[in-house]
Amino acid sequence: MSKRNQHVTPHPEGWAVQGAGSQRATSVHSTQAEAINRAREIARNQETELLIHGRDGRIRERDSYGNDPYPPKG
């Protein structure tokens, strides 16, 4: 399985989890919260990013689960 950023997007049947560049949804959920939980699990396992879209399709939130070569300095 290739590593792809995971997107949570609106879907006619609720909310879809879809890998970047994929034509088909990985899974479809009735609520956005369920879709986010599944997408977060996949992103953590694959060490990729999670991008959450709003009803308008625009990205409203993102989380990174990858190994960031440039972590923020604290």
Protein backbone atom coordinates (compact mmCIF):
# COMPACT_ATOMS: atom_id res chain seq x y z
CA MET A 1 0.00 0.00 0.00
CA SER A 2 1.45 3.36 -0.95
CA LYS A 3 1.52 6.25 1.46
CA ARG A 4 -1.07 8.87 0.56
CA ASN A 5 -2.37 11.84 2.46
CA GLN A 6 -5.88 11.15 3.71
CA HIS A 7 -8.73 13.54 2.91
CA VAL A 8 -12.13 13.73 4.62
CA THR A 9 -14.55 15.14 2.05
CA PRO A 10 -18.31 15.60 1.63
CA HIS A 11 -19.98 12.63 -0.08
CA PRO A 12 -23.57 12.10 -1.27
CA GLU A 13 -24.00 9.47 1.46
CA GLY A 14 -22.28 11.50 4.22
CA TRP A 15 -18.50 11.89 4.50
CA ALA A 16 -15.77 10.05 2.62
CA VAL A 17 -12.22 9.10 3.53
CA GLN A 18 -10.13 9.22 0.40
CA GLY A 19 -6.42 8.84 -0.29
CA ALA A 20 -4.86 11.68 -2.29
CA GLY A 21 -5.06 10.95 -6.00
CA SER A 22 -7.58 8.13 -5.58
CA GLN A 23 -10.74 8.12 -7.65
CA ARG A 24 -12.68 6.04 -5.12
CA ALA A 25 -13.35 6.56 -1.44
CA THR A 26 -11.59 4.26 1.01
CA SER A 27 -14.70 4.38 3.21
CA VAL A 28 -17.93 6.37 3.59
CA HIS A 29 -19.40 7.38 6.95
CA SER A 30 -22.67 8.96 8.04
CA THR A 31 -20.94 11.63 10.15
CA GLN A 32 -17.84 13.72 9.64
CA ALA A 33 -16.56 12.70 13.09
CA GLU A 34 -16.62 9.01 12.12
CA ALA A 35 -14.79 9.78 8.87
CA ILE A 36 -12.17 11.88 10.70
CA ASN A 37 -11.53 9.06 13.19
CA ARG A 38 -10.97 6.54 10.40
CA ALA A 39 -8.82 8.90 8.32
CA ARG A 40 -6.72 9.78 11.39
CA GLU A 41 -6.12 6.09 12.04
CA ILE A 42 -4.95 5.56 8.43
CA ALA A 43 -2.77 8.70 8.47
CA ARG A 44 -1.10 7.61 11.71
CA ASN A 45 -0.43 4.12 10.36
CA GLN A 46 1.00 5.47 7.11
CA GLU A 47 2.74 8.47 8.72
CA THR A 48 1.04 10.90 6.33
CA GLU A 49 -1.18 13.97 6.60
CA LEU A 50 -4.87 14.24 7.38
CA LEU A 51 -6.76 16.98 5.55
CA ILE A 52 -10.31 17.73 6.67
CA HIS A 53 -12.58 19.52 4.21
CA GLY A 54 -15.73 21.44 5.07
CA ARG A 55 -19.08 21.11 3.30
CA ASP A 56 -17.86 23.69 0.76
CA GLY A 57 -14.94 21.39 -0.16
CA ARG A 58 -12.26 23.74 1.17
CA ILE A 59 -9.65 22.46 3.59
CA ARG A 60 -10.57 23.64 7.08
CA GLU A 61 -8.07 21.68 9.17
CA ARG A 62 -4.97 19.53 8.76
CA ASP A 63 -2.86 17.29 10.97
CA SER A 64 0.50 15.74 10.17
CA TYR A 65 1.45 12.29 11.37
CA GLY A 66 4.63 11.99 9.34
CA ASN A 67 8.21 12.30 10.39
CA ASP A 68 8.77 16.01 9.92
CA PRO A 69 12.40 16.67 8.95
CA TYR A 70 11.93 20.31 10.07
CA PRO A 71 9.99 20.20 13.37
CA PRO A 72 9.06 23.53 14.94
CA LYS A 73 11.66 24.96 17.28
CA GLY A 74 10.35 25.44 20.77
